[in-house]
Amino acid sequence: MSTRSVLPVWLAVVFSVLIGAMYAVQSRVNGELGVRIGDGFTAAVISFGSGLVLLSVAMLLWPTGRRGLTRVGEAVRGGELSWWHLFGGVSGALFVLSQGLAASLLGLALFSVAIVAGQTISGLLMDQFGVGPGGKRPLTATKVIGVLVALAAVAWTVSGQLKSDVPLWLLWLPLAAGIAQGWQQAVNGHVRILARSALTATFLNFLTGTIALFLAAVLHGLAVGFPTALPTSPWLYLGGAIGCIFIAGAAVVVRTTGVLLLGLSIVAGQLLCALAIDLIAPTSGHPLGLTTVGGTALALAAVVIVGFRWRLVGRRR
């Protein structure tokens, strides 16, 4: 299977930055939905489930998506695709769950910087071990430096909020979700290539993610009770539609960028959008502080460090 890409790198990076902006918007939407409902598990099911409904309709309307399912089945049976490639949606479920549970409590900028650390580390590992569809990409000193800078950015940002009443364990949730994002992008990229359809890859992602979240929400509801009312604001239910767009987009561009450059480009859009949202409409009790701005700037420096080195490597090939 050829690893040549039909997209130029610069265009793939632009798309990835826009995907990152949508990540931030979805985090704010799902975080607010979780607060309004009072149950982040139910909010995550609503987000993923609404996306699955939209994708199911699309699968009925477009035959290419259904043909992609057939190709994926044949690829799994023939050994071209492992069964675990089909479970990228479980990582997406963790990401959406972290949005519902932690985004509003941490503030969107702090939440996003924690995601950044996980995405950067994961992207480095996915490229190093060749998990993505573009194969192995060499480990360089600048990549390692970029990861360390991203981690320093998280530490700096967190230092400004250590005295808040937010439990620090919440930071581990978006960190884990960010790590899982790299694996999700890698396996979804494989599925997209073999299915020859981003719709098929996105549908399978939302199918497995919705099932995982539904089971988690049921167990959580049995333990603490189920929500009795839902908010009426329409914009709170847009998270699933936004997710459909950026999951499909990531599955397309990851073959061009590799997992690390994709993750870092997403980071750029994600942090800039998160800062803008927190500046314009900060979440209650979490005004935008100097350490959050400084940590975000440092995280963007990590993007430049790693992304610039990647382009130099690419030119010598």
Protein backbone atom coordinates (compact mmCIF):
# COMPACT_ATOMS: atom_id res chain seq x y z
CA MET A 1 0.00 0.00 0.00
CA SER A 2 1.49 3.31 -1.08
CA THR A 3 2.12 5.98 1.51
CA ARG A 4 2.12 8.86 -0.99
CA SER A 5 -0.39 11.54 -0.14
CA VAL A 6 -2.55 13.55 -2.50
CA LEU A 7 -2.46 16.58 -0.15
CA PRO A 8 0.47 19.02 0.01
CA VAL A 9 1.88 19.32 3.51
CA TRP A 10 1.08 23.04 3.88
CA LEU A 11 -2.59 22.44 3.07
CA ALA A 12 -2.77 19.48 5.46
CA VAL A 13 -1.31 21.69 8.21
CA VAL A 14 -3.87 24.44 7.53
CA PHE A 15 -6.68 21.90 7.75
CA SER A 16 -5.19 20.53 10.96
CA VAL A 17 -5.13 23.99 12.56
CA LEU A 18 -8.81 24.44 11.69
CA ILE A 19 -9.52 21.00 13.17
CA GLY A 20 -7.84 22.16 16.36
CA ALA A 21 -10.10 25.20 16.54
CA MET A 22 -13.11 22.89 16.30
CA TYR A 23 -11.68 20.77 19.12
CA ALA A 24 -11.72 23.85 21.34
CA VAL A 25 -15.26 24.83 20.35
CA GLN A 26 -16.47 21.29 21.01
CA SER A 27 -14.74 21.27 24.40
CA ARG A 28 -16.61 24.42 25.40
CA VAL A 29 -19.96 23.08 24.12
CA ASN A 30 -19.64 19.67 25.76
CA GLY A 31 -18.22 21.15 28.95
CA GLU A 32 -21.17 23.50 29.29
CA LEU A 33 -23.61 20.69 28.49
CA GLY A 34 -22.09 18.58 31.26
CA VAL A 35 -22.48 21.44 33.74
CA ARG A 36 -26.09 22.16 32.74
CA ILE A 37 -27.09 18.50 33.00
CA GLY A 38 -24.96 17.89 36.08
CA ASP A 39 -23.68 14.65 34.56
CA GLY A 40 -20.62 14.55 32.30
CA PHE A 41 -21.30 10.92 31.35
CA THR A 42 -24.73 11.72 29.95
CA ALA A 43 -23.35 14.80 28.18
CA ALA A 44 -20.71 12.62 26.48
CA VAL A 45 -23.33 10.10 25.34
CA ILE A 46 -25.47 12.89 23.90
CA SER A 47 -22.50 14.34 22.02
CA PHE A 48 -21.23 11.05 20.59
CA GLY A 49 -24.71 9.64 20.07
CA SER A 50 -25.94 12.65 18.10
CA GLY A 51 -22.87 12.37 15.89
CA LEU A 52 -23.61 8.69 15.31
CA VAL A 53 -27.18 9.52 14.27
CA LEU A 54 -25.92 12.05 11.71
CA LEU A 55 -23.36 9.59 10.37
CA SER A 56 -25.92 6.78 10.16
CA VAL A 57 -28.10 8.98 7.97
CA ALA A 58 -25.06 9.82 5.83
CA MET A 59 -24.23 6.11 5.47
CA LEU A 60 -27.75 5.49 4.17
CA LEU A 61 -27.50 8.33 1.67
CA TRP A 62 -23.97 7.72 0.32
CA PRO A 63 -23.09 4.26 -1.05
CA THR A 64 -19.35 4.95 -0.75
CA GLY A 65 -19.67 4.74 3.02
CA ARG A 66 -21.40 1.36 2.86
CA ARG A 67 -18.87 0.04 0.36
CA GLY A 68 -16.17 1.18 2.77
CA LEU A 69 -17.65 -1.05 5.48
CA THR A 70 -17.36 -4.02 3.12
CA ARG A 71 -13.73 -3.19 2.36
CA VAL A 72 -12.93 -2.84 6.06
CA GLY A 73 -14.48 -6.24 6.78
CA GLU A 74 -12.44 -7.81 3.99
CA ALA A 75 -9.27 -6.10 5.25
CA VAL A 76 -9.77 -7.44 8.79
CA ARG A 77 -10.45 -10.97 7.53
CA GLY A 78 -7.44 -10.79 5.20
CA GLY A 79 -5.09 -9.51 7.88
CA GLU A 80 -4.45 -6.09 6.29
CA LEU A 81 -6.20 -4.44 9.24
CA SER A 82 -6.16 -5.59 12.85
CA TRP A 83 -9.41 -5.71 14.81
CA TRP A 84 -8.08 -3.13 17.26
CA HIS A 85 -7.85 -0.56 14.45
CA LEU A 86 -11.65 -0.40 14.63
CA PHE A 87 -11.71 0.86 18.21
CA GLY A 88 -10.31 4.35 17.76
CA GLY A 89 -13.70 5.59 18.93
CA VAL A 90 -12.95 4.42 22.47
CA SER A 91 -10.19 7.03 22.62
CA GLY A 92 -12.62 9.58 21.23
CA ALA A 93 -15.07 8.58 23.94
CA LEU A 94 -12.47 9.31 26.60
CA PHE A 95 -11.81 12.72 25.05
CA VAL A 96 -15.49 13.68 24.95
CA LEU A 97 -16.01 12.35 28.48
CA SER A 98 -13.12 14.48 29.71
CA GLN A 99 -14.78 17.51 28.09
CA GLY A 100 -18.03 16.89 29.92
CA LEU A 101 -16.36 16.23 33.26
CA ALA A 102 -13.44 18.65 33.32
CA ALA A 103 -13.55 21.41 30.67
CA SER A 104 -15.83 23.81 32.51
CA LEU A 105 -14.29 23.07 35.92
CA LEU A 106 -10.74 23.66 34.73
CA GLY A 107 -11.46 26.47 32.30
CA LEU A 108 -11.08 25.88 28.58
CA ALA A 109 -7.52 27.22 28.25
CA LEU A 110 -6.16 25.10 31.13
CA PHE A 111 -8.08 22.06 29.89
CA SER A 112 -6.63 22.55 26.40
CA VAL A 113 -3.04 22.92 27.63
CA ALA A 114 -3.36 19.60 29.51
CA ILE A 115 -4.67 18.02 26.30
CA VAL A 116 -1.65 19.47 24.49
CA ALA A 117 0.82 17.58 26.67
CA GLY A 118 -0.92 14.28 26.00
CA GLN A 119 -1.26 14.88 22.26
CA THR A 120 2.40 15.84 21.91
CA ILE A 121 3.73 12.84 23.81
CA SER A 122 1.38 10.49 21.98
CA GLY A 123 2.23 11.90 18.56
CA LEU A 124 5.93 11.42 19.23
CA LEU A 125 5.40 7.78 20.22
CA MET A 126 2.98 6.98 17.38
CA ASP A 127 5.44 8.30 14.78
CA GLN A 128 8.42 6.64 16.42
CA PHE A 129 6.80 3.19 16.37
CA GLY A 130 5.10 3.64 13.00
CA VAL A 131 1.53 3.22 14.28
CA GLY A 132 0.14 5.81 11.85
CA PRO A 133 -0.55 5.15 8.15
CA GLY A 134 2.53 7.16 7.11
CA GLY A 135 4.84 4.62 8.77
CA LYS A 136 7.80 5.37 11.03
CA ARG A 137 9.08 8.92 11.20
CA PRO A 138 12.56 9.50 12.69
CA LEU A 139 13.02 10.62 16.29
CA THR A 140 15.04 13.85 16.37
CA ALA A 141 16.45 16.05 19.11
CA THR A 142 14.05 18.85 18.24
CA LYS A 143 11.07 16.53 18.61
CA VAL A 144 12.21 15.58 22.10
CA ILE A 145 12.84 19.24 22.96
CA GLY A 146 9.39 20.15 21.66
CA VAL A 147 7.75 17.54 23.87
CA LEU A 148 9.67 18.81 26.91
CA VAL A 149 8.67 22.38 26.15
CA ALA A 150 5.01 21.32 25.87
CA LEU A 151 5.24 19.63 29.27
CA ALA A 152 6.86 22.74 30.73
CA ALA A 153 3.96 24.74 29.33
CA VAL A 154 1.49 22.55 31.20
CA ALA A 155 3.46 22.88 34.44
CA TRP A 156 3.61 26.66 34.11
CA THR A 157 -0.10 26.96 33.37
CA VAL A 158 -1.05 24.67 36.25
CA SER A 159 1.16 26.64 38.66
CA GLY A 160 -1.16 29.61 38.41
CA GLN A 161 -4.16 27.59 39.52
CA LEU A 162 -2.72 25.34 42.23
CA LYS A 163 -4.48 27.37 44.92
CA SER A 164 -7.89 27.07 43.30
CA ASP A 165 -10.59 24.75 44.59
CA VAL A 166 -10.40 22.57 41.46
CA PRO A 167 -9.19 19.03 42.29
CA LEU A 168 -5.84 18.51 40.60
CA TRP A 169 -6.76 14.94 39.62
CA LEU A 170 -8.97 16.52 36.96
CA LEU A 171 -5.82 17.50 35.05
CA TRP A 172 -4.94 13.84 34.59
CA LEU A 173 -8.19 13.24 32.70
CA PRO A 174 -7.49 15.62 29.77
CA LEU A 175 -3.84 14.52 29.83
CA ALA A 176 -4.89 10.88 29.35
CA ALA A 177 -7.43 11.94 26.73
CA GLY A 178 -4.72 13.78 24.80
CA ILE A 179 -2.49 10.70 24.82
CA ALA A 180 -5.39 8.61 23.54
CA GLN A 181 -6.01 11.15 20.75
CA GLY A 182 -2.75 10.30 19.02
CA TRP A 183 -3.62 6.61 18.91
CA GLN A 184 -7.13 7.42 17.66
CA GLN A 185 -5.81 9.55 14.79
CA ALA A 186 -3.32 6.85 13.82
CA VAL A 187 -5.77 3.94 13.68
CA ASN A 188 -8.55 5.98 12.07
CA GLY A 189 -6.09 6.94 9.35
CA HIS A 190 -5.48 3.26 8.58
CA VAL A 191 -9.20 2.55 8.45
CA ARG A 192 -9.82 5.53 6.15
CA ILE A 193 -7.17 4.38 3.66
CA LEU A 194 -8.40 0.78 3.45
CA ALA A 195 -12.07 1.80 3.38
CA ARG A 196 -11.31 4.53 0.81
CA SER A 197 -13.84 6.59 2.68
CA ALA A 198 -13.49 9.10 5.51
CA LEU A 199 -17.22 8.61 6.15
CA THR A 200 -16.69 4.92 6.92
CA ALA A 201 -13.77 5.62 9.27
CA THR A 202 -15.73 8.32 11.08
CA PHE A 203 -18.85 6.15 11.37
CA LEU A 204 -16.89 3.26 12.92
CA ASN A 205 -15.19 5.71 15.28
CA PHE A 206 -18.52 7.06 16.52
CA LEU A 207 -20.12 3.61 16.68
CA THR A 208 -17.51 2.12 19.02
CA GLY A 209 -17.23 5.34 21.02
CA THR A 210 -20.99 5.61 21.55
CA ILE A 211 -21.22 2.02 22.74
CA ALA A 212 -18.36 2.57 25.23
CA LEU A 213 -19.89 5.80 26.54
CA PHE A 214 -23.38 4.34 26.81
CA LEU A 215 -22.13 1.46 28.96
CA ALA A 216 -20.14 3.88 31.15
CA ALA A 217 -23.15 6.21 31.52
CA VAL A 218 -25.45 3.35 32.52
CA LEU A 219 -23.03 2.14 35.20
CA HIS A 220 -22.56 5.70 36.47
CA GLY A 221 -26.32 6.30 36.49
CA LEU A 222 -26.99 3.11 38.41
CA ALA A 223 -24.44 4.20 41.01
CA VAL A 224 -25.43 7.86 41.51
CA GLY A 225 -28.70 8.30 39.64
CA PHE A 226 -29.71 9.54 36.19
CA PRO A 227 -30.36 13.19 35.22
CA THR A 228 -34.03 14.14 35.22
CA ALA A 229 -34.00 17.11 32.83
CA LEU A 230 -32.10 18.34 29.79
CA PRO A 231 -31.27 21.96 28.85
CA THR A 232 -33.19 23.53 25.98
CA SER A 233 -30.47 25.69 24.38
CA PRO A 234 -29.89 24.23 20.85
CA TRP A 235 -26.18 25.13 20.71
CA LEU A 236 -25.42 22.73 23.56
CA TYR A 237 -26.21 19.82 21.25
CA LEU A 238 -23.78 20.73 18.44
CA GLY A 239 -20.83 18.78 19.88
CA GLY A 240 -21.59 15.62 17.91
CA ALA A 241 -21.83 17.43 14.57
CA ILE A 242 -18.55 19.26 15.25
CA GLY A 243 -16.91 15.95 16.16
CA CYS A 244 -18.01 14.36 12.87
CA ILE A 245 -16.18 17.07 10.96
CA PHE A 246 -12.88 16.99 12.82
CA ILE A 247 -12.66 13.19 13.13
CA ALA A 248 -13.18 12.82 9.39
CA GLY A 249 -10.68 15.60 8.68
CA ALA A 250 -8.01 14.09 10.91
CA ALA A 251 -8.45 10.67 9.28
CA VAL A 252 -7.76 12.27 5.90
CA VAL A 253 -4.74 14.45 6.72
CA VAL A 254 -2.83 12.15 9.11
CA ARG A 255 -1.32 10.23 6.18
CA THR A 256 0.30 13.45 4.97
CA THR A 257 1.39 14.94 8.27
CA GLY A 258 2.16 11.95 10.46
CA VAL A 259 0.65 11.76 13.92
CA LEU A 260 3.02 14.21 15.63
CA LEU A 261 2.72 17.06 13.12
CA LEU A 262 -1.04 16.53 12.96
CA GLY A 263 -1.27 16.69 16.75
CA LEU A 264 0.89 19.79 16.98
CA SER A 265 -1.02 21.58 14.22
CA ILE A 266 -4.25 20.72 16.00
CA VAL A 267 -2.66 22.09 19.17
CA ALA A 268 -2.00 25.44 17.48
CA GLY A 269 -5.61 25.88 16.44
CA GLN A 270 -6.91 24.45 19.70
CA LEU A 271 -4.96 26.73 22.02
CA LEU A 272 -5.51 29.89 20.04
CA CYS A 273 -9.24 29.24 19.82
CA ALA A 274 -9.41 28.27 23.50
CA LEU A 275 -7.66 31.48 24.51
CA ALA A 276 -10.05 33.51 22.37
CA ILE A 277 -13.10 31.80 23.86
CA ASP A 278 -11.86 32.19 27.43
CA LEU A 279 -11.06 35.85 26.73
CA ILE A 280 -14.45 36.62 25.19
CA ALA A 281 -16.62 34.41 27.38
CA PRO A 282 -14.66 32.94 30.33
CA THR A 283 -16.20 30.11 32.30
CA SER A 284 -17.50 31.04 35.74
CA GLY A 285 -14.71 31.33 38.32
CA HIS A 286 -11.94 30.88 35.74
CA PRO A 287 -10.88 34.25 34.31
CA LEU A 288 -7.96 34.20 31.92
CA GLY A 289 -4.72 34.59 33.90
CA LEU A 290 -1.14 35.47 33.02
CA THR A 291 0.14 31.93 33.65
CA THR A 292 -2.49 30.49 31.29
CA VAL A 293 -1.49 32.92 28.54
CA GLY A 294 2.21 32.28 29.16
CA GLY A 295 1.75 28.50 29.25
CA THR A 296 -0.19 28.63 26.00
CA ALA A 297 2.56 30.71 24.35
CA LEU A 298 5.14 28.17 25.51
CA ALA A 299 3.04 25.31 24.14
CA LEU A 300 2.83 27.10 20.78
CA ALA A 301 6.63 27.39 20.86
CA ALA A 302 6.73 23.60 21.12
CA VAL A 303 4.60 23.41 17.96
CA VAL A 304 7.08 25.62 16.10
CA ILE A 305 10.10 23.64 17.34
CA VAL A 306 8.79 20.25 16.27
CA GLY A 307 6.92 21.36 13.17
CA PHE A 308 9.88 23.28 11.74
CA ARG A 309 12.21 20.32 12.20
CA TRP A 310 9.70 18.01 10.54
CA ARG A 311 9.57 20.20 7.45
CA LEU A 312 13.34 20.20 7.17
CA VAL A 313 13.39 16.39 7.30
CA GLY A 314 10.65 16.23 4.70
CA ARG A 315 12.63 18.39 2.25
CA ARG A 316 15.64 16.07 2.32
CA ARG A 317 13.59 13.03 1.36
